Amino acid sequence: MPQPEGPELDRVRARRDDLRDRYLHAGAARPAAPTRGIHHAAFICRDVEETVRFYQEFLGFPLVELVENRDYAGSSHFFFDVGGGNLLGFFDFPGHDHPAFGETIGGIQHLALSVDAEAFTRVKGVLDAAGLTYLGPDRGVEDSLYIEDPNGLRVEFYLEEPGVFLGKRLVD
């Protein structure tokens, strides 16, 4: 995907500045969110066992539920504990032809999971030992590791506390 350059880039940046000035709620002026947080994020997988093995056996997230999807006969809906009271969910849809993962409007770019320094080092070691390709500290982003799961979903292990971005606390 070509990146904007020159006058086009200047327009994009000016638009972002305008949006920030008009819509960003910071500090005491920020209204309270109307929800308690994200219960779970749910993604589609090609193969239940392959996904369970990757997230539970390889990455260490315990599988905490596996049931039939109430909206699609034969489909599974399952959850992993990703810490902090948060769940990562998946569905499979037997008989559905799944296209390759791609960035598109309404799609997902990546899922970022908060880790401490010990977990960051452990994940990097697991990836290195398995010989898996990842993007990470070697590209100048020292606090992130990006991998792809068996379904093409990009998962980031982010060495930052929840609610903090680039060292700045955004939410309590």
N, C-alpha and C. Protein backbone atom coordinates (compact mmCIF):
# COMPACT_ATOMS: atom_id res chain seq x y z
N MET A 1 0.85 -1.16 0.00
CA MET A 1 0.00 0.00 0.00
C MET A 1 0.90 1.23 0.00
N PRO A 2 0.75 2.10 -0.98
CA PRO A 2 1.61 3.29 -1.04
C PRO A 2 1.25 4.29 0.06
N GLN A 3 2.27 4.85 0.69
CA GLN A 3 2.06 5.84 1.73
C GLN A 3 1.95 7.23 1.11
N PRO A 4 1.17 8.12 1.74
CA PRO A 4 1.06 9.49 1.20
C PRO A 4 2.39 10.21 1.31
N GLU A 5 2.61 11.11 0.37
CA GLU A 5 3.84 11.90 0.34
C GLU A 5 3.52 13.34 0.00
N GLY A 6 4.46 14.23 0.27
CA GLY A 6 4.36 15.64 -0.13
C GLY A 6 3.07 16.31 0.33
N PRO A 7 2.41 17.04 -0.57
CA PRO A 7 1.19 17.77 -0.20
C PRO A 7 0.07 16.85 0.32
N GLU A 8 0.00 15.63 -0.22
CA GLU A 8 -1.02 14.69 0.26
C GLU A 8 -0.76 14.33 1.72
N LEU A 9 0.49 14.09 2.07
CA LEU A 9 0.85 13.79 3.45
C LEU A 9 0.55 14.98 4.36
N ASP A 10 0.83 16.18 3.89
CA ASP A 10 0.52 17.38 4.67
C ASP A 10 -0.98 17.48 4.94
N ARG A 11 -1.82 17.18 3.95
CA ARG A 11 -3.27 17.21 4.13
C ARG A 11 -3.74 16.17 5.15
N VAL A 12 -3.17 14.97 5.06
CA VAL A 12 -3.53 13.90 6.00
C VAL A 12 -3.18 14.32 7.43
N ARG A 13 -2.01 14.86 7.61
CA ARG A 13 -1.58 15.29 8.94
C ARG A 13 -2.43 16.45 9.46
N ALA A 14 -2.76 17.40 8.60
CA ALA A 14 -3.61 18.53 9.02
C ALA A 14 -5.00 18.03 9.42
N ARG A 15 -5.52 17.06 8.69
CA ARG A 15 -6.83 16.49 9.01
C ARG A 15 -6.80 15.83 10.39
N ARG A 16 -5.74 15.07 10.67
CA ARG A 16 -5.61 14.41 11.97
C ARG A 16 -5.53 15.46 13.08
N ASP A 17 -4.76 16.53 12.88
CA ASP A 17 -4.66 17.59 13.88
C ASP A 17 -6.03 18.22 14.14
N ASP A 18 -6.79 18.45 13.08
CA ASP A 18 -8.13 19.02 13.22
C ASP A 18 -9.03 18.09 14.01
N LEU A 19 -9.01 16.80 13.70
CA LEU A 19 -9.83 15.83 14.42
C LEU A 19 -9.45 15.77 15.90
N ARG A 20 -8.14 15.78 16.17
CA ARG A 20 -7.68 15.76 17.56
C ARG A 20 -8.20 16.98 18.30
N ASP A 21 -8.09 18.17 17.69
CA ASP A 21 -8.54 19.40 18.33
C ASP A 21 -10.04 19.39 18.59
N ARG A 22 -10.81 18.82 17.69
CA ARG A 22 -12.26 18.84 17.83
C ARG A 22 -12.82 17.74 18.73
N TYR A 23 -12.18 16.56 18.76
CA TYR A 23 -12.82 15.41 19.40
C TYR A 23 -12.10 14.79 20.59
N LEU A 24 -10.82 15.03 20.76
CA LEU A 24 -10.09 14.35 21.83
C LEU A 24 -10.55 14.84 23.20
N HIS A 25 -10.93 13.91 24.06
CA HIS A 25 -11.31 14.19 25.44
C HIS A 25 -10.14 13.80 26.32
N ALA A 26 -9.58 14.78 27.01
CA ALA A 26 -8.44 14.49 27.87
C ALA A 26 -8.70 15.01 29.28
N GLY A 27 -8.10 14.34 30.25
CA GLY A 27 -8.16 14.79 31.63
C GLY A 27 -9.55 14.80 32.22
N ALA A 28 -9.80 15.76 33.11
CA ALA A 28 -11.05 15.83 33.86
C ALA A 28 -12.26 16.08 32.96
N ALA A 29 -12.06 16.63 31.77
CA ALA A 29 -13.17 16.91 30.86
C ALA A 29 -13.71 15.65 30.18
N ARG A 30 -13.00 14.56 30.33
CA ARG A 30 -13.41 13.34 29.65
C ARG A 30 -14.63 12.73 30.34
N PRO A 31 -15.69 12.44 29.58
CA PRO A 31 -16.84 11.76 30.19
C PRO A 31 -16.49 10.30 30.50
N ALA A 32 -17.19 9.72 31.46
CA ALA A 32 -16.98 8.32 31.80
C ALA A 32 -17.47 7.43 30.67
N ALA A 33 -16.77 6.34 30.42
CA ALA A 33 -17.20 5.37 29.42
C ALA A 33 -18.49 4.70 29.88
N PRO A 34 -19.39 4.36 28.96
CA PRO A 34 -20.66 3.77 29.35
C PRO A 34 -20.61 2.26 29.60
N THR A 35 -19.44 1.65 29.49
CA THR A 35 -19.32 0.20 29.70
C THR A 35 -18.24 -0.10 30.74
N ARG A 36 -18.15 -1.36 31.14
CA ARG A 36 -17.14 -1.78 32.12
C ARG A 36 -15.84 -2.21 31.46
N GLY A 37 -15.82 -2.30 30.15
CA GLY A 37 -14.61 -2.72 29.45
C GLY A 37 -14.94 -3.76 28.39
N ILE A 38 -13.91 -4.32 27.81
CA ILE A 38 -14.08 -5.35 26.78
C ILE A 38 -14.22 -6.70 27.46
N HIS A 39 -15.34 -7.37 27.27
CA HIS A 39 -15.53 -8.71 27.84
C HIS A 39 -14.66 -9.70 27.08
N HIS A 40 -14.79 -9.68 25.75
CA HIS A 40 -13.93 -10.50 24.92
C HIS A 40 -13.90 -9.94 23.50
N ALA A 41 -12.84 -10.22 22.82
CA ALA A 41 -12.75 -9.97 21.39
C ALA A 41 -12.89 -11.34 20.74
N ALA A 42 -13.70 -11.44 19.68
CA ALA A 42 -13.94 -12.74 19.04
C ALA A 42 -13.48 -12.69 17.59
N PHE A 43 -12.74 -13.71 17.21
CA PHE A 43 -12.19 -13.80 15.86
C PHE A 43 -12.60 -15.14 15.25
N ILE A 44 -12.44 -15.25 13.97
CA ILE A 44 -12.77 -16.48 13.25
C ILE A 44 -11.49 -17.26 13.02
N CYS A 45 -11.56 -18.57 13.24
CA CYS A 45 -10.40 -19.42 12.99
C CYS A 45 -10.75 -20.47 11.93
N ARG A 46 -9.72 -20.99 11.30
CA ARG A 46 -9.91 -22.05 10.30
C ARG A 46 -10.06 -23.41 10.96
N ASP A 47 -9.29 -23.64 12.05
CA ASP A 47 -9.24 -24.96 12.67
C ASP A 47 -9.16 -24.80 14.19
N VAL A 48 -10.13 -25.37 14.89
CA VAL A 48 -10.20 -25.21 16.34
C VAL A 48 -8.96 -25.78 17.01
N GLU A 49 -8.60 -27.03 16.71
CA GLU A 49 -7.46 -27.64 17.39
C GLU A 49 -6.16 -26.89 17.13
N GLU A 50 -5.93 -26.50 15.90
CA GLU A 50 -4.72 -25.75 15.56
C GLU A 50 -4.66 -24.44 16.35
N THR A 51 -5.80 -23.78 16.49
CA THR A 51 -5.86 -22.52 17.23
C THR A 51 -5.66 -22.75 18.72
N VAL A 52 -6.28 -23.79 19.27
CA VAL A 52 -6.10 -24.12 20.69
C VAL A 52 -4.64 -24.45 20.97
N ARG A 53 -4.05 -25.27 20.13
CA ARG A 53 -2.64 -25.65 20.35
C ARG A 53 -1.74 -24.42 20.30
N PHE A 54 -1.98 -23.51 19.39
CA PHE A 54 -1.15 -22.31 19.26
C PHE A 54 -1.27 -21.42 20.50
N TYR A 55 -2.51 -21.09 20.88
CA TYR A 55 -2.71 -20.14 21.98
C TYR A 55 -2.45 -20.77 23.35
N GLN A 56 -2.84 -22.02 23.55
CA GLN A 56 -2.67 -22.63 24.86
C GLN A 56 -1.31 -23.28 25.03
N GLU A 57 -0.96 -24.16 24.11
CA GLU A 57 0.28 -24.93 24.28
C GLU A 57 1.53 -24.15 23.89
N PHE A 58 1.41 -23.28 22.91
CA PHE A 58 2.59 -22.54 22.46
C PHE A 58 2.74 -21.21 23.22
N LEU A 59 1.65 -20.42 23.28
CA LEU A 59 1.75 -19.11 23.93
C LEU A 59 1.41 -19.13 25.42
N GLY A 60 0.70 -20.15 25.89
CA GLY A 60 0.44 -20.28 27.32
C GLY A 60 -0.85 -19.69 27.83
N PHE A 61 -1.80 -19.38 26.95
CA PHE A 61 -3.10 -18.86 27.39
C PHE A 61 -4.05 -20.03 27.65
N PRO A 62 -4.52 -20.20 28.89
CA PRO A 62 -5.40 -21.33 29.19
C PRO A 62 -6.73 -21.25 28.44
N LEU A 63 -7.14 -22.37 27.86
CA LEU A 63 -8.47 -22.49 27.27
C LEU A 63 -9.43 -22.62 28.44
N VAL A 64 -10.46 -21.74 28.51
CA VAL A 64 -11.37 -21.74 29.65
C VAL A 64 -12.80 -22.13 29.28
N GLU A 65 -13.12 -22.22 28.00
CA GLU A 65 -14.45 -22.66 27.59
C GLU A 65 -14.42 -23.07 26.12
N LEU A 66 -15.22 -24.09 25.79
CA LEU A 66 -15.37 -24.57 24.42
C LEU A 66 -16.79 -25.10 24.29
N VAL A 67 -17.65 -24.37 23.58
CA VAL A 67 -19.06 -24.74 23.44
C VAL A 67 -19.48 -24.60 21.97
N GLU A 68 -20.68 -25.08 21.68
CA GLU A 68 -21.21 -24.89 20.33
C GLU A 68 -21.73 -23.46 20.20
N ASN A 69 -21.44 -22.85 19.08
CA ASN A 69 -21.93 -21.51 18.78
C ASN A 69 -23.45 -21.56 18.65
N ARG A 70 -24.14 -20.70 19.36
CA ARG A 70 -25.60 -20.71 19.34
C ARG A 70 -26.19 -20.20 18.03
N ASP A 71 -25.37 -19.59 17.18
CA ASP A 71 -25.88 -19.00 15.95
C ASP A 71 -25.56 -19.79 14.68
N TYR A 72 -24.80 -20.89 14.80
CA TYR A 72 -24.36 -21.62 13.61
C TYR A 72 -24.13 -23.07 14.02
N ALA A 73 -25.01 -23.95 13.60
CA ALA A 73 -24.94 -25.36 13.99
C ALA A 73 -23.58 -25.97 13.65
N GLY A 74 -22.97 -26.62 14.62
CA GLY A 74 -21.69 -27.29 14.42
C GLY A 74 -20.49 -26.40 14.67
N SER A 75 -20.70 -25.10 14.71
CA SER A 75 -19.61 -24.16 14.94
C SER A 75 -19.22 -24.14 16.41
N SER A 76 -17.95 -24.01 16.68
CA SER A 76 -17.47 -23.90 18.05
C SER A 76 -17.22 -22.44 18.42
N HIS A 77 -17.44 -22.13 19.69
CA HIS A 77 -17.11 -20.83 20.25
C HIS A 77 -16.26 -21.12 21.47
N PHE A 78 -15.04 -20.59 21.51
CA PHE A 78 -14.15 -20.94 22.60
C PHE A 78 -13.34 -19.73 23.04
N PHE A 79 -12.90 -19.80 24.31
CA PHE A 79 -12.27 -18.65 24.95
C PHE A 79 -10.96 -19.03 25.62
N PHE A 80 -10.02 -18.08 25.57
CA PHE A 80 -8.76 -18.19 26.30
C PHE A 80 -8.70 -17.07 27.33
N ASP A 81 -8.09 -17.37 28.48
CA ASP A 81 -7.81 -16.36 29.49
C ASP A 81 -6.52 -15.66 29.07
N VAL A 82 -6.60 -14.34 28.78
CA VAL A 82 -5.41 -13.59 28.41
C VAL A 82 -4.97 -12.65 29.53
N GLY A 83 -5.49 -12.89 30.75
CA GLY A 83 -5.07 -12.12 31.90
C GLY A 83 -5.94 -10.90 32.14
N GLY A 84 -5.88 -10.40 33.37
CA GLY A 84 -6.58 -9.18 33.72
C GLY A 84 -8.10 -9.26 33.60
N GLY A 85 -8.65 -10.48 33.67
CA GLY A 85 -10.09 -10.64 33.52
C GLY A 85 -10.56 -10.53 32.09
N ASN A 86 -9.64 -10.62 31.13
CA ASN A 86 -9.96 -10.48 29.71
C ASN A 86 -9.95 -11.83 29.01
N LEU A 87 -10.86 -11.96 28.06
CA LEU A 87 -10.99 -13.19 27.29
C LEU A 87 -10.72 -12.93 25.82
N LEU A 88 -10.11 -13.92 25.17
CA LEU A 88 -9.91 -13.90 23.73
C LEU A 88 -10.76 -15.03 23.17
N GLY A 89 -11.71 -14.71 22.32
CA GLY A 89 -12.63 -15.70 21.79
C GLY A 89 -12.40 -16.00 20.32
N PHE A 90 -12.81 -17.21 19.93
CA PHE A 90 -12.75 -17.62 18.53
C PHE A 90 -14.00 -18.40 18.17
N PHE A 91 -14.35 -18.34 16.91
CA PHE A 91 -15.39 -19.16 16.31
C PHE A 91 -14.76 -19.92 15.16
N ASP A 92 -15.29 -21.09 14.86
CA ASP A 92 -14.99 -21.71 13.58
C ASP A 92 -16.33 -21.85 12.85
N PHE A 93 -16.32 -21.92 11.56
CA PHE A 93 -17.53 -22.08 10.77
C PHE A 93 -17.32 -23.21 9.77
N PRO A 94 -17.57 -24.46 10.21
CA PRO A 94 -17.37 -25.61 9.32
C PRO A 94 -18.13 -25.42 8.01
N GLY A 95 -17.46 -25.72 6.93
CA GLY A 95 -18.07 -25.59 5.61
C GLY A 95 -17.88 -24.24 4.97
N HIS A 96 -17.34 -23.29 5.71
CA HIS A 96 -17.13 -21.94 5.18
C HIS A 96 -15.74 -21.86 4.55
N ASP A 97 -15.67 -21.30 3.37
CA ASP A 97 -14.39 -21.12 2.69
C ASP A 97 -13.78 -19.81 3.19
N HIS A 98 -12.73 -19.91 3.98
CA HIS A 98 -12.13 -18.72 4.57
C HIS A 98 -11.09 -18.12 3.63
N PRO A 99 -11.29 -16.86 3.24
CA PRO A 99 -10.27 -16.20 2.42
C PRO A 99 -9.03 -15.91 3.26
N ALA A 100 -7.94 -15.62 2.62
CA ALA A 100 -6.71 -15.26 3.33
C ALA A 100 -6.94 -13.98 4.12
N PHE A 101 -6.23 -13.85 5.24
CA PHE A 101 -6.32 -12.65 6.07
C PHE A 101 -5.87 -11.45 5.25
N GLY A 102 -6.55 -10.32 5.44
CA GLY A 102 -6.14 -9.10 4.77
C GLY A 102 -6.64 -7.88 5.51
N GLU A 103 -5.87 -6.80 5.45
CA GLU A 103 -6.30 -5.55 6.05
C GLU A 103 -7.34 -4.92 5.14
N THR A 104 -8.48 -4.57 5.73
CA THR A 104 -9.54 -3.95 4.96
C THR A 104 -10.45 -3.18 5.89
N ILE A 105 -11.26 -2.33 5.36
CA ILE A 105 -12.22 -1.57 6.16
C ILE A 105 -13.09 -2.56 6.92
N GLY A 106 -13.25 -2.36 8.21
CA GLY A 106 -14.05 -3.25 9.05
C GLY A 106 -13.28 -4.45 9.55
N GLY A 107 -12.06 -4.63 9.07
CA GLY A 107 -11.23 -5.75 9.52
C GLY A 107 -10.40 -5.33 10.71
N ILE A 108 -9.47 -6.16 11.06
CA ILE A 108 -8.59 -5.87 12.20
C ILE A 108 -7.16 -5.76 11.69
N GLN A 109 -6.41 -4.82 12.23
CA GLN A 109 -5.01 -4.66 11.86
C GLN A 109 -4.15 -5.56 12.76
N HIS A 110 -4.38 -5.51 14.08
CA HIS A 110 -3.72 -6.43 14.99
C HIS A 110 -4.39 -6.36 16.35
N LEU A 111 -4.10 -7.34 17.18
CA LEU A 111 -4.56 -7.41 18.56
C LEU A 111 -3.34 -7.21 19.44
N ALA A 112 -3.35 -6.18 20.30
CA ALA A 112 -2.22 -5.90 21.17
C ALA A 112 -2.50 -6.40 22.58
N LEU A 113 -1.60 -7.22 23.10
CA LEU A 113 -1.72 -7.78 24.44
C LEU A 113 -0.61 -7.21 25.32
N SER A 114 -1.00 -6.68 26.48
CA SER A 114 -0.05 -6.09 27.41
C SER A 114 0.75 -7.18 28.12
N VAL A 115 2.07 -7.01 28.16
CA VAL A 115 2.94 -7.94 28.89
C VAL A 115 3.95 -7.15 29.71
N ASP A 116 4.42 -7.78 30.80
CA ASP A 116 5.51 -7.17 31.57
C ASP A 116 6.84 -7.63 30.97
N ALA A 117 7.94 -7.11 31.51
CA ALA A 117 9.26 -7.41 30.94
C ALA A 117 9.59 -8.89 30.97
N GLU A 118 9.20 -9.58 32.04
CA GLU A 118 9.47 -11.02 32.13
C GLU A 118 8.73 -11.80 31.05
N ALA A 119 7.46 -11.50 30.87
CA ALA A 119 6.67 -12.19 29.84
C ALA A 119 7.17 -11.84 28.44
N PHE A 120 7.57 -10.60 28.23
CA PHE A 120 8.11 -10.17 26.94
C PHE A 120 9.34 -11.00 26.58
N THR A 121 10.24 -11.15 27.55
CA THR A 121 11.46 -11.94 27.33
C THR A 121 11.12 -13.41 27.08
N ARG A 122 10.14 -13.94 27.84
CA ARG A 122 9.73 -15.34 27.66
C ARG A 122 9.15 -15.56 26.27
N VAL A 123 8.25 -14.68 25.84
CA VAL A 123 7.63 -14.83 24.51
C VAL A 123 8.70 -14.77 23.43
N LYS A 124 9.60 -13.82 23.53
CA LYS A 124 10.67 -13.70 22.53
C LYS A 124 11.51 -14.97 22.50
N GLY A 125 11.81 -15.53 23.67
CA GLY A 125 12.58 -16.78 23.74
C GLY A 125 11.84 -17.95 23.11
N VAL A 126 10.53 -18.03 23.35
CA VAL A 126 9.71 -19.10 22.77
C VAL A 126 9.71 -18.97 21.24
N LEU A 127 9.54 -17.75 20.76
CA LEU A 127 9.52 -17.53 19.31
C LEU A 127 10.88 -17.86 18.69
N ASP A 128 11.94 -17.41 19.33
CA ASP A 128 13.29 -17.70 18.82
C ASP A 128 13.57 -19.20 18.81
N ALA A 129 13.20 -19.89 19.89
CA ALA A 129 13.44 -21.34 19.99
C ALA A 129 12.67 -22.09 18.92
N ALA A 130 11.48 -21.61 18.59
CA ALA A 130 10.65 -22.27 17.57
C ALA A 130 11.04 -21.84 16.15
N GLY A 131 11.90 -20.85 16.04
CA GLY A 131 12.30 -20.36 14.72
C GLY A 131 11.20 -19.62 13.99
N LEU A 132 10.26 -19.05 14.75
CA LEU A 132 9.15 -18.32 14.13
C LEU A 132 9.56 -16.90 13.78
N THR A 133 9.08 -16.45 12.67
CA THR A 133 9.35 -15.08 12.22
C THR A 133 8.47 -14.12 13.00
N TYR A 134 9.04 -13.01 13.41
CA TYR A 134 8.28 -11.96 14.08
C TYR A 134 8.91 -10.63 13.76
N LEU A 135 8.11 -9.59 13.93
CA LEU A 135 8.63 -8.23 13.87
C LEU A 135 8.79 -7.77 15.29
N GLY A 136 9.85 -7.04 15.57
CA GLY A 136 10.03 -6.64 16.95
C GLY A 136 11.17 -5.69 17.16
N PRO A 137 11.87 -5.91 18.26
CA PRO A 137 12.90 -4.96 18.67
C PRO A 137 13.92 -4.64 17.58
N ASP A 138 14.13 -5.56 16.67
CA ASP A 138 15.12 -5.36 15.62
C ASP A 138 14.75 -4.26 14.63
N ARG A 139 13.49 -3.79 14.65
CA ARG A 139 13.09 -2.76 13.70
C ARG A 139 12.93 -1.40 14.37
N GLY A 140 13.53 -1.26 15.55
CA GLY A 140 13.49 0.03 16.23
C GLY A 140 12.31 0.22 17.16
N VAL A 141 11.44 -0.77 17.26
CA VAL A 141 10.33 -0.70 18.20
C VAL A 141 10.67 -1.68 19.31
N GLU A 142 11.30 -1.18 20.34
CA GLU A 142 11.86 -2.06 21.36
C GLU A 142 10.85 -2.64 22.33
N ASP A 143 9.61 -2.15 22.29
CA ASP A 143 8.62 -2.60 23.26
C ASP A 143 7.52 -3.46 22.64
N SER A 144 7.71 -3.92 21.41
CA SER A 144 6.67 -4.70 20.73
C SER A 144 7.26 -5.89 19.98
N LEU A 145 6.52 -7.00 20.02
CA LEU A 145 6.78 -8.17 19.18
C LEU A 145 5.48 -8.48 18.44
N TYR A 146 5.55 -8.61 17.15
CA TYR A 146 4.37 -8.92 16.34
C TYR A 146 4.53 -10.29 15.70
N ILE A 147 3.52 -11.14 15.88
CA ILE A 147 3.51 -12.46 15.26
C ILE A 147 2.19 -12.64 14.54
N GLU A 148 2.09 -13.70 13.75
CA GLU A 148 0.81 -14.08 13.14
C GLU A 148 0.40 -15.43 13.70
N ASP A 149 -0.88 -15.54 14.06
CA ASP A 149 -1.38 -16.83 14.52
C ASP A 149 -1.67 -17.71 13.31
N PRO A 150 -2.09 -18.95 13.50
CA PRO A 150 -2.34 -19.84 12.36
C PRO A 150 -3.44 -19.36 11.41
N ASN A 151 -4.23 -18.38 11.85
CA ASN A 151 -5.32 -17.86 11.03
C ASN A 151 -4.94 -16.58 10.29
N GLY A 152 -3.71 -16.10 10.52
CA GLY A 152 -3.26 -14.87 9.89
C GLY A 152 -3.49 -13.64 10.76
N LEU A 153 -4.13 -13.82 11.94
CA LEU A 153 -4.35 -12.71 12.85
C LEU A 153 -3.02 -12.24 13.41
N ARG A 154 -2.75 -10.95 13.30
CA ARG A 154 -1.52 -10.40 13.88
C ARG A 154 -1.75 -10.13 15.36
N VAL A 155 -0.83 -10.63 16.17
CA VAL A 155 -0.89 -10.45 17.61
C VAL A 155 0.38 -9.73 18.04
N GLU A 156 0.20 -8.65 18.79
CA GLU A 156 1.32 -7.88 19.31
C GLU A 156 1.46 -8.15 20.80
N PHE A 157 2.67 -8.41 21.25
CA PHE A 157 2.98 -8.47 22.67
C PHE A 157 3.65 -7.14 22.98
N TYR A 158 2.92 -6.32 23.75
CA TYR A 158 3.29 -4.92 23.96
C TYR A 158 3.76 -4.72 25.39
N LEU A 159 4.99 -4.29 25.54
CA LEU A 159 5.62 -4.07 26.84
C LEU A 159 5.16 -2.72 27.38
N GLU A 160 3.88 -2.69 27.75
CA GLU A 160 3.26 -1.47 28.24
C GLU A 160 2.05 -1.87 29.06
N GLU A 161 1.73 -1.10 30.08
CA GLU A 161 0.57 -1.38 30.91
C GLU A 161 -0.72 -1.10 30.14
N PRO A 162 -1.80 -1.82 30.47
CA PRO A 162 -3.08 -1.49 29.86
C PRO A 162 -3.44 -0.03 30.16
N GLY A 163 -4.01 0.65 29.19
CA GLY A 163 -4.41 2.05 29.36
C GLY A 163 -3.29 3.04 29.14
N VAL A 164 -2.09 2.56 28.78
CA VAL A 164 -0.95 3.43 28.56
C VAL A 164 -0.48 3.24 27.11
N PHE A 165 -0.14 4.36 26.45
CA PHE A 165 0.37 4.30 25.08
C PHE A 165 1.57 5.23 24.99
N LEU A 166 2.69 4.69 24.52
CA LEU A 166 3.94 5.44 24.40
C LEU A 166 4.32 6.15 25.70
N GLY A 167 4.10 5.42 26.83
CA GLY A 167 4.46 5.94 28.13
C GLY A 167 3.46 6.93 28.73
N LYS A 168 2.40 7.24 28.01
CA LYS A 168 1.41 8.21 28.49
C LYS A 168 0.13 7.47 28.89
N ARG A 169 -0.31 7.68 30.13
CA ARG A 169 -1.55 7.06 30.60
C ARG A 169 -2.72 7.75 29.92
N LEU A 170 -3.50 6.94 29.16
CA LEU A 170 -4.66 7.47 28.44
C LEU A 170 -5.94 7.26 29.21
N VAL A 171 -6.02 6.13 29.94
CA VAL A 171 -7.23 5.81 30.74
C VAL A 171 -6.78 5.18 32.04
N ASP A 172 -7.64 5.30 33.05
CA ASP A 172 -7.35 4.70 34.36
C ASP A 172 -7.79 3.26 34.39
